[in-house]
Amino acid sequence: VTFHPATLDRVAPAERCRAMVEALDRFPQLNIIATYPNND
């Protein structure tokens, strides 16, 4: 998982990221390797 801010999006990046986390938590059979975003 690598999730960066979409700098032209009108919705807060945290809200977008929480939606992704919620979705991936629906797949408990998968482990997750997540990296930091760029400094945007």
Full PDB file with SEQRES, HELIX, SHEET, SSBOND, CRYST1, ORIGX, SCALE, CONECT and MASTER records, all heavy atoms in Angstrom:
SEQRES   1 A   40  VAL THR PHE HIS PRO ALA THR LEU ASP ARG VAL ALA PRO          
SEQRES   2 A   40  ALA GLU ARG CYS ARG ALA MET VAL GLU ALA LEU ASP ARG          
SEQRES   3 A   40  PHE PRO GLN LEU ASN ILE ILE ALA THR TYR PRO ASN ASN          
SEQRES   4 A   40  ASP                                                          
HELIX    1 AA1 PRO A   13  LEU A   24  1                                  12    
CRYST1    1.000    1.000    1.000  90.00  90.00  90.00 P 1           1          
ORIGX1      1.000000  0.000000  0.000000        0.00000                         
ORIGX2      0.000000  1.000000  0.000000        0.00000                         
ORIGX3      0.000000  0.000000  1.000000        0.00000                         
SCALE1      1.000000  0.000000  0.000000        0.00000                         
SCALE2      0.000000  1.000000  0.000000        0.00000                         
SCALE3      0.000000  0.000000  1.000000        0.00000                         
ATOM      1  N   VAL A   1       0.837  -1.194   0.000  1.00  0.00           N  
ATOM      2  CA  VAL A   1       0.000   0.000   0.000  1.00  0.00           C  
ATOM      3  C   VAL A   1       0.876   1.250   0.000  1.00  0.00           C  
ATOM      4  O   VAL A   1       1.740   1.409   0.874  1.00  0.00           O  
ATOM      5  CB  VAL A   1      -0.922   0.018   1.239  1.00  0.00           C  
ATOM      6  CG1 VAL A   1      -1.681   1.328   1.317  1.00  0.00           C  
ATOM      7  CG2 VAL A   1      -1.874  -1.162   1.207  1.00  0.00           C  
ATOM      8  N   THR A   2       0.654   2.120  -0.973  1.00  0.00           N  
ATOM      9  CA  THR A   2       1.286   3.442  -0.996  1.00  0.00           C  
ATOM     10  C   THR A   2       0.212   4.453  -1.371  1.00  0.00           C  
ATOM     11  O   THR A   2      -0.329   4.397  -2.482  1.00  0.00           O  
ATOM     12  CB  THR A   2       2.449   3.501  -2.005  1.00  0.00           C  
ATOM     13  OG1 THR A   2       3.412   2.489  -1.684  1.00  0.00           O  
ATOM     14  CG2 THR A   2       3.119   4.863  -1.944  1.00  0.00           C  
ATOM     15  N   PHE A   3      -0.073   5.355  -0.444  1.00  0.00           N  
ATOM     16  CA  PHE A   3      -1.161   6.315  -0.654  1.00  0.00           C  
ATOM     17  C   PHE A   3      -0.647   7.731  -0.423  1.00  0.00           C  
ATOM     18  O   PHE A   3      -0.212   8.072   0.669  1.00  0.00           O  
ATOM     19  CB  PHE A   3      -2.324   6.013   0.304  1.00  0.00           C  
ATOM     20  CG  PHE A   3      -3.583   6.750  -0.034  1.00  0.00           C  
ATOM     21  CD1 PHE A   3      -4.423   6.284  -1.038  1.00  0.00           C  
ATOM     22  CD2 PHE A   3      -3.937   7.908   0.637  1.00  0.00           C  
ATOM     23  CE1 PHE A   3      -5.593   6.967  -1.372  1.00  0.00           C  
ATOM     24  CE2 PHE A   3      -5.101   8.596   0.320  1.00  0.00           C  
ATOM     25  CZ  PHE A   3      -5.928   8.127  -0.691  1.00  0.00           C  
ATOM     26  N   HIS A   4      -0.679   8.544  -1.477  1.00  0.00           N  
ATOM     27  CA  HIS A   4      -0.212   9.925  -1.420  1.00  0.00           C  
ATOM     28  C   HIS A   4      -1.405  10.884  -1.431  1.00  0.00           C  
ATOM     29  O   HIS A   4      -2.492  10.528  -1.904  1.00  0.00           O  
ATOM     30  CB  HIS A   4       0.664  10.247  -2.635  1.00  0.00           C  
ATOM     31  CG  HIS A   4       1.860   9.377  -2.783  1.00  0.00           C  
ATOM     32  ND1 HIS A   4       2.911   9.382  -1.885  1.00  0.00           N  
ATOM     33  CD2 HIS A   4       2.208   8.474  -3.748  1.00  0.00           C  
ATOM     34  CE1 HIS A   4       3.837   8.526  -2.289  1.00  0.00           C  
ATOM     35  NE2 HIS A   4       3.434   7.961  -3.409  1.00  0.00           N  
ATOM     36  N   PRO A   5      -1.218  12.121  -0.981  1.00  0.00           N  
ATOM     37  CA  PRO A   5      -2.279  13.116  -1.138  1.00  0.00           C  
ATOM     38  C   PRO A   5      -2.540  13.398  -2.619  1.00  0.00           C  
ATOM     39  O   PRO A   5      -1.593  13.498  -3.402  1.00  0.00           O  
ATOM     40  CB  PRO A   5      -1.715  14.363  -0.445  1.00  0.00           C  
ATOM     41  CG  PRO A   5      -0.607  13.878   0.424  1.00  0.00           C  
ATOM     42  CD  PRO A   5      -0.047  12.670  -0.267  1.00  0.00           C  
ATOM     43  N   ALA A   6      -3.798  13.497  -2.985  1.00  0.00           N  
ATOM     44  CA  ALA A   6      -4.165  13.995  -4.320  1.00  0.00           C  
ATOM     45  C   ALA A   6      -4.351  15.494  -4.162  1.00  0.00           C  
ATOM     46  O   ALA A   6      -5.387  15.956  -3.675  1.00  0.00           O  
ATOM     47  CB  ALA A   6      -5.434  13.322  -4.822  1.00  0.00           C  
ATOM     48  N   THR A   7      -3.359  16.271  -4.546  1.00  0.00           N  
ATOM     49  CA  THR A   7      -3.293  17.680  -4.137  1.00  0.00           C  
ATOM     50  C   THR A   7      -4.371  18.562  -4.757  1.00  0.00           C  
ATOM     51  O   THR A   7      -4.546  19.703  -4.333  1.00  0.00           O  
ATOM     52  CB  THR A   7      -1.901  18.256  -4.455  1.00  0.00           C  
ATOM     53  OG1 THR A   7      -1.538  17.934  -5.804  1.00  0.00           O  
ATOM     54  CG2 THR A   7      -0.860  17.680  -3.513  1.00  0.00           C  
ATOM     55  N   LEU A   8      -5.103  18.065  -5.750  1.00  0.00           N  
ATOM     56  CA  LEU A   8      -6.212  18.830  -6.315  1.00  0.00           C  
ATOM     57  C   LEU A   8      -7.575  18.298  -5.873  1.00  0.00           C  
ATOM     58  O   LEU A   8      -8.612  18.747  -6.349  1.00  0.00           O  
ATOM     59  CB  LEU A   8      -6.124  18.852  -7.846  1.00  0.00           C  
ATOM     60  CG  LEU A   8      -4.888  19.560  -8.431  1.00  0.00           C  
ATOM     61  CD1 LEU A   8      -4.950  19.570  -9.948  1.00  0.00           C  
ATOM     62  CD2 LEU A   8      -4.760  20.977  -7.899  1.00  0.00           C  
ATOM     63  N   ASP A   9      -7.571  17.333  -4.965  1.00  0.00           N  
ATOM     64  CA  ASP A   9      -8.811  16.784  -4.426  1.00  0.00           C  
ATOM     65  C   ASP A   9      -9.392  17.755  -3.401  1.00  0.00           C  
ATOM     66  O   ASP A   9      -8.659  18.348  -2.602  1.00  0.00           O  
ATOM     67  CB  ASP A   9      -8.524  15.430  -3.761  1.00  0.00           C  
ATOM     68  CG  ASP A   9      -9.780  14.637  -3.463  1.00  0.00           C  
ATOM     69  OD1 ASP A   9     -10.888  15.189  -3.609  1.00  0.00           O  
ATOM     70  OD2 ASP A   9      -9.644  13.464  -3.080  1.00  0.00           O  
ATOM     71  N   ARG A  10     -10.716  17.923  -3.395  1.00  0.00           N  
ATOM     72  CA  ARG A  10     -11.360  18.838  -2.458  1.00  0.00           C  
ATOM     73  C   ARG A  10     -11.686  18.184  -1.123  1.00  0.00           C  
ATOM     74  O   ARG A  10     -12.122  18.857  -0.186  1.00  0.00           O  
ATOM     75  CB  ARG A  10     -12.637  19.405  -3.087  1.00  0.00           C  
ATOM     76  CG  ARG A  10     -12.363  20.255  -4.331  1.00  0.00           C  
ATOM     77  CD  ARG A  10     -13.645  20.829  -4.904  1.00  0.00           C  
ATOM     78  NE  ARG A  10     -13.376  21.650  -6.088  1.00  0.00           N  
ATOM     79  CZ  ARG A  10     -14.314  22.276  -6.790  1.00  0.00           C  
ATOM     80  NH1 ARG A  10     -15.581  22.174  -6.432  1.00  0.00           N  
ATOM     81  NH2 ARG A  10     -13.977  23.002  -7.834  1.00  0.00           N  
ATOM     82  N   VAL A  11     -11.478  16.868  -1.042  1.00  0.00           N  
ATOM     83  CA  VAL A  11     -11.737  16.144   0.203  1.00  0.00           C  
ATOM     84  C   VAL A  11     -10.411  15.935   0.927  1.00  0.00           C  
ATOM     85  O   VAL A  11      -9.375  15.695   0.306  1.00  0.00           O  
ATOM     86  CB  VAL A  11     -12.422  14.794  -0.097  1.00  0.00           C  
ATOM     87  CG1 VAL A  11     -12.610  13.985   1.184  1.00  0.00           C  
ATOM     88  CG2 VAL A  11     -13.759  15.028  -0.789  1.00  0.00           C  
ATOM     89  N   ALA A  12     -10.426  16.012   2.238  1.00  0.00           N  
ATOM     90  CA  ALA A  12      -9.208  15.888   3.039  1.00  0.00           C  
ATOM     91  C   ALA A  12      -8.522  14.546   2.799  1.00  0.00           C  
ATOM     92  O   ALA A  12      -9.186  13.504   2.742  1.00  0.00           O  
ATOM     93  CB  ALA A  12      -9.542  16.040   4.521  1.00  0.00           C  
ATOM     94  N   PRO A  13      -7.191  14.537   2.661  1.00  0.00           N  
ATOM     95  CA  PRO A  13      -6.461  13.285   2.429  1.00  0.00           C  
ATOM     96  C   PRO A  13      -6.709  12.242   3.507  1.00  0.00           C  
ATOM     97  O   PRO A  13      -6.766  11.038   3.203  1.00  0.00           O  
ATOM     98  CB  PRO A  13      -5.000  13.736   2.419  1.00  0.00           C  
ATOM     99  CG  PRO A  13      -5.035  15.166   2.031  1.00  0.00           C  
ATOM    100  CD  PRO A  13      -6.293  15.712   2.627  1.00  0.00           C  
ATOM    101  N   ALA A  14      -6.856  12.667   4.763  1.00  0.00           N  
ATOM    102  CA  ALA A  14      -7.095  11.701   5.843  1.00  0.00           C  
ATOM    103  C   ALA A  14      -8.388  10.942   5.619  1.00  0.00           C  
ATOM    104  O   ALA A  14      -8.471   9.726   5.866  1.00  0.00           O  
ATOM    105  CB  ALA A  14      -7.125  12.416   7.192  1.00  0.00           C  
ATOM    106  N   GLU A  15      -9.428  11.638   5.146  1.00  0.00           N  
ATOM    107  CA  GLU A  15     -10.706  10.982   4.883  1.00  0.00           C  
ATOM    108  C   GLU A  15     -10.559   9.940   3.783  1.00  0.00           C  
ATOM    109  O   GLU A  15     -11.102   8.829   3.875  1.00  0.00           O  
ATOM    110  CB  GLU A  15     -11.756  12.017   4.494  1.00  0.00           C  
ATOM    111  CG  GLU A  15     -13.147  11.446   4.285  1.00  0.00           C  
ATOM    112  CD  GLU A  15     -14.187  12.515   3.999  1.00  0.00           C  
ATOM    113  OE1 GLU A  15     -13.982  13.683   4.395  1.00  0.00           O  
ATOM    114  OE2 GLU A  15     -15.219  12.181   3.369  1.00  0.00           O  
ATOM    115  N   ARG A  16      -9.826  10.286   2.739  1.00  0.00           N  
ATOM    116  CA  ARG A  16      -9.602   9.331   1.646  1.00  0.00           C  
ATOM    117  C   ARG A  16      -8.814   8.118   2.143  1.00  0.00           C  
ATOM    118  O   ARG A  16      -9.118   6.970   1.803  1.00  0.00           O  
ATOM    119  CB  ARG A  16      -8.832  10.006   0.511  1.00  0.00           C  
ATOM    120  CG  ARG A  16      -9.538  11.177  -0.147  1.00  0.00           C  
ATOM    121  CD  ARG A  16     -10.859  10.781  -0.766  1.00  0.00           C  
ATOM    122  NE  ARG A  16     -11.352  11.801  -1.679  1.00  0.00           N  
ATOM    123  CZ  ARG A  16     -12.600  11.894  -2.102  1.00  0.00           C  
ATOM    124  NH1 ARG A  16     -13.500  11.022  -1.669  1.00  0.00           N  
ATOM    125  NH2 ARG A  16     -12.960  12.827  -2.962  1.00  0.00           N  
ATOM    126  N   CYS A  17      -7.802   8.381   2.966  1.00  0.00           N  
ATOM    127  CA  CYS A  17      -6.975   7.287   3.470  1.00  0.00           C  
ATOM    128  C   CYS A  17      -7.768   6.376   4.407  1.00  0.00           C  
ATOM    129  O   CYS A  17      -7.617   5.148   4.373  1.00  0.00           O  
ATOM    130  CB  CYS A  17      -5.749   7.856   4.178  1.00  0.00           C  
ATOM    131  SG  CYS A  17      -4.523   6.620   4.644  1.00  0.00           S  
ATOM    132  N   ARG A  18      -8.633   6.968   5.246  1.00  0.00           N  
ATOM    133  CA  ARG A  18      -9.446   6.141   6.144  1.00  0.00           C  
ATOM    134  C   ARG A  18     -10.384   5.228   5.371  1.00  0.00           C  
ATOM    135  O   ARG A  18     -10.633   4.084   5.783  1.00  0.00           O  
ATOM    136  CB  ARG A  18     -10.231   7.035   7.106  1.00  0.00           C  
ATOM    137  CG  ARG A  18      -9.414   7.530   8.297  1.00  0.00           C  
ATOM    138  CD  ARG A  18     -10.299   8.160   9.359  1.00  0.00           C  
ATOM    139  NE  ARG A  18     -10.813   9.442   8.928  1.00  0.00           N  
ATOM    140  CZ  ARG A  18     -10.229  10.610   9.191  1.00  0.00           C  
ATOM    141  NH1 ARG A  18      -9.104  10.643   9.887  1.00  0.00           N  
ATOM    142  NH2 ARG A  18     -10.764  11.744   8.776  1.00  0.00           N  
ATOM    143  N   ALA A  19     -10.891   5.697   4.229  1.00  0.00           N  
ATOM    144  CA  ALA A  19     -11.752   4.845   3.402  1.00  0.00           C  
ATOM    145  C   ALA A  19     -10.960   3.657   2.875  1.00  0.00           C  
ATOM    146  O   ALA A  19     -11.465   2.524   2.830  1.00  0.00           O  
ATOM    147  CB  ALA A  19     -12.348   5.654   2.259  1.00  0.00           C  
ATOM    148  N   MET A  20      -9.713   3.895   2.461  1.00  0.00           N  
ATOM    149  CA  MET A  20      -8.874   2.797   1.992  1.00  0.00           C  
ATOM    150  C   MET A  20      -8.604   1.798   3.113  1.00  0.00           C  
ATOM    151  O   MET A  20      -8.680   0.571   2.917  1.00  0.00           O  
ATOM    152  CB  MET A  20      -7.555   3.347   1.458  1.00  0.00           C  
ATOM    153  CG  MET A  20      -6.599   2.262   0.960  1.00  0.00           C  
ATOM    154  SD  MET A  20      -4.945   2.898   0.576  1.00  0.00           S  
ATOM    155  CE  MET A  20      -4.350   3.292   2.237  1.00  0.00           C  
ATOM    156  N   VAL A  21      -8.295   2.297   4.309  1.00  0.00           N  
ATOM    157  CA  VAL A  21      -8.038   1.420   5.449  1.00  0.00           C  
ATOM    158  C   VAL A  21      -9.277   0.585   5.765  1.00  0.00           C  
ATOM    159  O   VAL A  21      -9.190  -0.638   6.003  1.00  0.00           O  
ATOM    160  CB  VAL A  21      -7.608   2.251   6.668  1.00  0.00           C  
ATOM    161  CG1 VAL A  21      -7.621   1.398   7.945  1.00  0.00           C  
ATOM    162  CG2 VAL A  21      -6.225   2.850   6.437  1.00  0.00           C  
ATOM    163  N   GLU A  22     -10.451   1.232   5.763  1.00  0.00           N  
ATOM    164  CA  GLU A  22     -11.696   0.505   6.024  1.00  0.00           C  
ATOM    165  C   GLU A  22     -11.897  -0.618   5.014  1.00  0.00           C  
ATOM    166  O   GLU A  22     -12.277  -1.744   5.375  1.00  0.00           O  
ATOM    167  CB  GLU A  22     -12.883   1.465   5.974  1.00  0.00           C  
ATOM    168  CG  GLU A  22     -14.229   0.787   6.221  1.00  0.00           C  
ATOM    169  CD  GLU A  22     -15.409   1.733   6.070  1.00  0.00           C  
ATOM    170  OE1 GLU A  22     -15.216   2.966   6.130  1.00  0.00           O  
ATOM    171  OE2 GLU A  22     -16.546   1.233   5.879  1.00  0.00           O  
ATOM    172  N   ALA A  23     -11.629  -0.320   3.745  1.00  0.00           N  
ATOM    173  CA  ALA A  23     -11.794  -1.334   2.703  1.00  0.00           C  
ATOM    174  C   ALA A  23     -10.830  -2.498   2.906  1.00  0.00           C  
ATOM    175  O   ALA A  23     -11.220  -3.678   2.821  1.00  0.00           O  
ATOM    176  CB  ALA A  23     -11.585  -0.702   1.332  1.00  0.00           C  
ATOM    177  N   LEU A  24      -9.569  -2.195   3.188  1.00  0.00           N  
ATOM    178  CA  LEU A  24      -8.578  -3.265   3.324  1.00  0.00           C  
ATOM    179  C   LEU A  24      -8.777  -4.081   4.593  1.00  0.00           C  
ATOM    180  O   LEU A  24      -8.381  -5.252   4.652  1.00  0.00           O  
ATOM    181  CB  LEU A  24      -7.169  -2.668   3.267  1.00  0.00           C  
ATOM    182  CG  LEU A  24      -6.763  -2.167   1.871  1.00  0.00           C  
ATOM    183  CD1 LEU A  24      -5.432  -1.425   1.924  1.00  0.00           C  
ATOM    184  CD2 LEU A  24      -6.690  -3.315   0.877  1.00  0.00           C  
ATOM    185  N   ASP A  25      -9.416  -3.500   5.588  1.00  0.00           N  
ATOM    186  CA  ASP A  25      -9.726  -4.283   6.791  1.00  0.00           C  
ATOM    187  C   ASP A  25     -10.825  -5.318   6.529  1.00  0.00           C  
ATOM    188  O   ASP A  25     -11.056  -6.195   7.364  1.00  0.00           O  
ATOM    189  CB  ASP A  25     -10.141  -3.353   7.936  1.00  0.00           C  
ATOM    190  CG  ASP A  25      -8.943  -2.786   8.681  1.00  0.00           C  
ATOM    191  OD1 ASP A  25      -7.830  -3.331   8.521  1.00  0.00           O  
ATOM    192  OD2 ASP A  25      -9.107  -1.800   9.429  1.00  0.00           O  
ATOM    193  N   ARG A  26     -11.481  -5.214   5.394  1.00  0.00           N  
ATOM    194  CA  ARG A  26     -12.463  -6.218   5.001  1.00  0.00           C  
ATOM    195  C   ARG A  26     -11.802  -7.441   4.368  1.00  0.00           C  
ATOM    196  O   ARG A  26     -12.484  -8.386   3.952  1.00  0.00           O  
ATOM    197  CB  ARG A  26     -13.479  -5.607   4.029  1.00  0.00           C  
ATOM    198  CG  ARG A  26     -14.284  -4.457   4.633  1.00  0.00           C  
ATOM    199  CD  ARG A  26     -15.159  -3.765   3.591  1.00  0.00           C  
ATOM    200  NE  ARG A  26     -15.799  -2.561   4.146  1.00  0.00           N  
ATOM    201  CZ  ARG A  26     -16.567  -1.726   3.444  1.00  0.00           C  
ATOM    202  NH1 ARG A  26     -16.789  -1.960   2.148  1.00  0.00           N  
ATOM    203  NH2 ARG A  26     -17.097  -0.667   4.016  1.00  0.00           N  
ATOM    204  N   PHE A  27     -10.459  -7.418   4.306  1.00  0.00           N  
ATOM    205  CA  PHE A  27      -9.697  -8.544   3.755  1.00  0.00           C  
ATOM    206  C   PHE A  27      -8.706  -9.022   4.817  1.00  0.00           C  
ATOM    207  O   PHE A  27      -7.487  -8.883   4.667  1.00  0.00           O  
ATOM    208  CB  PHE A  27      -8.960  -8.125   2.485  1.00  0.00           C  
ATOM    209  CG  PHE A  27      -9.868  -7.710   1.355  1.00  0.00           C  
ATOM    210  CD1 PHE A  27     -10.302  -6.400   1.237  1.00  0.00           C  
ATOM    211  CD2 PHE A  27     -10.302  -8.655   0.431  1.00  0.00           C  
ATOM    212  CE1 PHE A  27     -11.150  -6.021   0.206  1.00  0.00           C  
ATOM    213  CE2 PHE A  27     -11.155  -8.287  -0.599  1.00  0.00           C  
ATOM    214  CZ  PHE A  27     -11.581  -6.975  -0.710  1.00  0.00           C  
ATOM    215  N   PRO A  28      -9.214  -9.606   5.907  1.00  0.00           N  
ATOM    216  CA  PRO A  28      -8.317 -10.030   7.001  1.00  0.00           C  
ATOM    217  C   PRO A  28      -7.348 -11.124   6.579  1.00  0.00           C  
ATOM    218  O   PRO A  28      -6.371 -11.382   7.292  1.00  0.00           O  
ATOM    219  CB  PRO A  28      -9.300 -10.526   8.074  1.00  0.00           C  
ATOM    220  CG  PRO A  28     -10.537 -10.886   7.318  1.00  0.00           C  
ATOM    221  CD  PRO A  28     -10.620  -9.922   6.189  1.00  0.00           C  
ATOM    222  N   GLN A  29      -7.622 -11.753   5.438  1.00  0.00           N  
ATOM    223  CA  GLN A  29      -6.708 -12.798   4.956  1.00  0.00           C  
ATOM    224  C   GLN A  29      -5.433 -12.220   4.365  1.00  0.00           C  
ATOM    225  O   GLN A  29      -4.488 -12.968   4.069  1.00  0.00           O  
ATOM    226  CB  GLN A  29      -7.421 -13.666   3.903  1.00  0.00           C  
ATOM    227  CG  GLN A  29      -7.615 -13.020   2.528  1.00  0.00           C  
ATOM    228  CD  GLN A  29      -8.888 -12.199   2.416  1.00  0.00           C  
ATOM    229  OE1 GLN A  29      -9.408 -11.703   3.418  1.00  0.00           O  
ATOM    230  NE2 GLN A  29      -9.410 -12.075   1.207  1.00  0.00           N  
ATOM    231  N   LEU A  30      -5.371 -10.888   4.214  1.00  0.00           N  
ATOM    232  CA  LEU A  30      -4.188 -10.230   3.662  1.00  0.00           C  
ATOM    233  C   LEU A  30      -3.429  -9.481   4.748  1.00  0.00           C  
ATOM    234  O   LEU A  30      -4.016  -8.722   5.520  1.00  0.00           O  
ATOM    235  CB  LEU A  30      -4.582  -9.208   2.584  1.00  0.00           C  
ATOM    236  CG  LEU A  30      -5.162  -9.715   1.267  1.00  0.00           C  
ATOM    237  CD1 LEU A  30      -5.546  -8.524   0.398  1.00  0.00           C  
ATOM    238  CD2 LEU A  30      -4.161 -10.602   0.546  1.00  0.00           C  
ATOM    239  N   ASN A  31      -2.122  -9.681   4.816  1.00  0.00           N  
ATOM    240  CA  ASN A  31      -1.277  -8.766   5.570  1.00  0.00           C  
ATOM    241  C   ASN A  31      -1.023  -7.520   4.719  1.00  0.00           C  
ATOM    242  O   ASN A  31      -1.282  -7.513   3.500  1.00  0.00           O  
ATOM    243  CB  ASN A  31       0.049  -9.427   5.941  1.00  0.00           C  
ATOM    244  CG  ASN A  31      -0.091 -10.394   7.108  1.00  0.00           C  
ATOM    245  OD1 ASN A  31      -1.074 -10.333   7.853  1.00  0.00           O  
ATOM    246  ND2 ASN A  31       0.872 -11.292   7.257  1.00  0.00           N  
ATOM    247  N   ILE A  32      -0.489  -6.486   5.343  1.00  0.00           N  
ATOM    248  CA  ILE A  32      -0.299  -5.206   4.660  1.00  0.00           C  
ATOM    249  C   ILE A  32       1.137  -4.719   4.854  1.00  0.00           C  
ATOM    250  O   ILE A  32       1.635  -4.673   5.985  1.00  0.00           O  
ATOM    251  CB  ILE A  32      -1.258  -4.119   5.200  1.00  0.00           C  
ATOM    252  CG1 ILE A  32      -2.717  -4.586   5.151  1.00  0.00           C  
ATOM    253  CG2 ILE A  32      -1.050  -2.803   4.451  1.00  0.00           C  
ATOM    254  CD1 ILE A  32      -3.276  -4.770   3.765  1.00  0.00           C  
ATOM    255  N   ILE A  33       1.781  -4.339   3.758  1.00  0.00           N  
ATOM    256  CA  ILE A  33       3.046  -3.602   3.806  1.00  0.00           C  
ATOM    257  C   ILE A  33       2.746  -2.192   3.314  1.00  0.00           C  
ATOM    258  O   ILE A  33       2.428  -1.988   2.140  1.00  0.00           O  
ATOM    259  CB  ILE A  33       4.128  -4.252   2.923  1.00  0.00           C  
ATOM    260  CG1 ILE A  33       4.415  -5.687   3.373  1.00  0.00           C  
ATOM    261  CG2 ILE A  33       5.411  -3.414   2.942  1.00  0.00           C  
ATOM    262  CD1 ILE A  33       5.347  -6.451   2.440  1.00  0.00           C  
ATOM    263  N   ALA A  34       2.795  -1.220   4.214  1.00  0.00           N  
ATOM    264  CA  ALA A  34       2.448   0.165   3.878  1.00  0.00           C  
ATOM    265  C   ALA A  34       3.677   1.050   3.995  1.00  0.00           C  
ATOM    266  O   ALA A  34       4.477   0.905   4.934  1.00  0.00           O  
ATOM    267  CB  ALA A  34       1.342   0.683   4.791  1.00  0.00           C  
ATOM    268  N   THR A  35       3.823   1.970   3.041  1.00  0.00           N  
ATOM    269  CA  THR A  35       4.933   2.918   3.071  1.00  0.00           C  
ATOM    270  C   THR A  35       4.408   4.336   3.307  1.00  0.00           C  
ATOM    271  O   THR A  35       3.253   4.636   3.017  1.00  0.00           O  
ATOM    272  CB  THR A  35       5.730   2.888   1.754  1.00  0.00           C  
ATOM    273  OG1 THR A  35       4.894   3.340   0.687  1.00  0.00           O  
ATOM    274  CG2 THR A  35       6.224   1.478   1.452  1.00  0.00           C  
ATOM    275  N   TYR A  36       5.277   5.193   3.809  1.00  0.00           N  
ATOM    276  CA  TYR A  36       4.919   6.592   4.008  1.00  0.00           C  
ATOM    277  C   TYR A  36       4.620   7.266   2.665  1.00  0.00           C  
ATOM    278  O   TYR A  36       5.202   6.898   1.640  1.00  0.00           O  
ATOM    279  CB  TYR A  36       6.084   7.341   4.665  1.00  0.00           C  
ATOM    280  CG  TYR A  36       6.064   7.375   6.177  1.00  0.00           C  
ATOM    281  CD1 TYR A  36       5.617   6.280   6.920  1.00  0.00           C  
ATOM    282  CD2 TYR A  36       6.521   8.485   6.874  1.00  0.00           C  
ATOM    283  CE1 TYR A  36       5.623   6.310   8.304  1.00  0.00           C  
ATOM    284  CE2 TYR A  36       6.540   8.529   8.261  1.00  0.00           C  
ATOM    285  CZ  TYR A  36       6.084   7.448   8.966  1.00  0.00           C  
ATOM    286  OH  TYR A  36       6.085   7.476  10.334  1.00  0.00           O  
ATOM    287  N   PRO A  37       3.776   8.280   2.680  1.00  0.00           N  
ATOM    288  CA  PRO A  37       3.565   9.080   1.478  1.00  0.00           C  
ATOM    289  C   PRO A  37       4.715  10.058   1.266  1.00  0.00           C  
ATOM    290  O   PRO A  37       5.549  10.270   2.154  1.00  0.00           O  
ATOM    291  CB  PRO A  37       2.276   9.837   1.786  1.00  0.00           C  
ATOM    292  CG  PRO A  37       2.312  10.004   3.276  1.00  0.00           C  
ATOM    293  CD  PRO A  37       2.941   8.741   3.808  1.00  0.00           C  
ATOM    294  N   ASN A  38       4.751  10.678   0.072  1.00  0.00           N  
ATOM    295  CA  ASN A  38       5.676  11.780  -0.184  1.00  0.00           C  
ATOM    296  C   ASN A  38       5.277  12.992   0.663  1.00  0.00           C  
ATOM    297  O   ASN A  38       4.172  13.052   1.198  1.00  0.00           O  
ATOM    298  CB  ASN A  38       5.658  12.167  -1.663  1.00  0.00           C  
ATOM    299  CG  ASN A  38       6.313  11.114  -2.528  1.00  0.00           C  
ATOM    300  OD1 ASN A  38       7.184  10.376  -2.065  1.00  0.00           O  
ATOM    301  ND2 ASN A  38       5.909  11.050  -3.778  1.00  0.00           N  
ATOM    302  N   ASN A  39       6.169  13.974   0.730  1.00  0.00           N  
ATOM    303  CA  ASN A  39       5.863  15.158   1.553  1.00  0.00           C  
ATOM    304  C   ASN A  39       5.098  16.213   0.756  1.00  0.00           C  
ATOM    305  O   ASN A  39       5.502  17.365   0.644  1.00  0.00           O  
ATOM    306  CB  ASN A  39       7.132  15.750   2.180  1.00  0.00           C  
ATOM    307  CG  ASN A  39       8.107  16.311   1.163  1.00  0.00           C  
ATOM    308  OD1 ASN A  39       8.137  15.884   0.008  1.00  0.00           O  
ATOM    309  ND2 ASN A  39       8.919  17.266   1.589  1.00  0.00           N  
ATOM    310  N   ASP A  40       3.957  15.797   0.217  1.00  0.00           N  
ATOM    311  CA  ASP A  40       3.029  16.720  -0.430  1.00  0.00           C  
ATOM    312  C   ASP A  40       2.054  17.244   0.619  1.00  0.00           C  
ATOM    313  O   ASP A  40       1.922  16.681   1.713  1.00  0.00           O  
ATOM    314  CB  ASP A  40       2.249  16.010  -1.548  1.00  0.00           C  
ATOM    315  CG  ASP A  40       3.164  15.502  -2.650  1.00  0.00           C  
ATOM    316  OD1 ASP A  40       4.047  16.262  -3.064  1.00  0.00           O  
ATOM    317  OD2 ASP A  40       2.986  14.348  -3.094  1.00  0.00           O  
TER     318      ASP A  40                                                      
MASTER        0    0    0    1    0    0    0    6  317    1    0    4          
END                                                                             
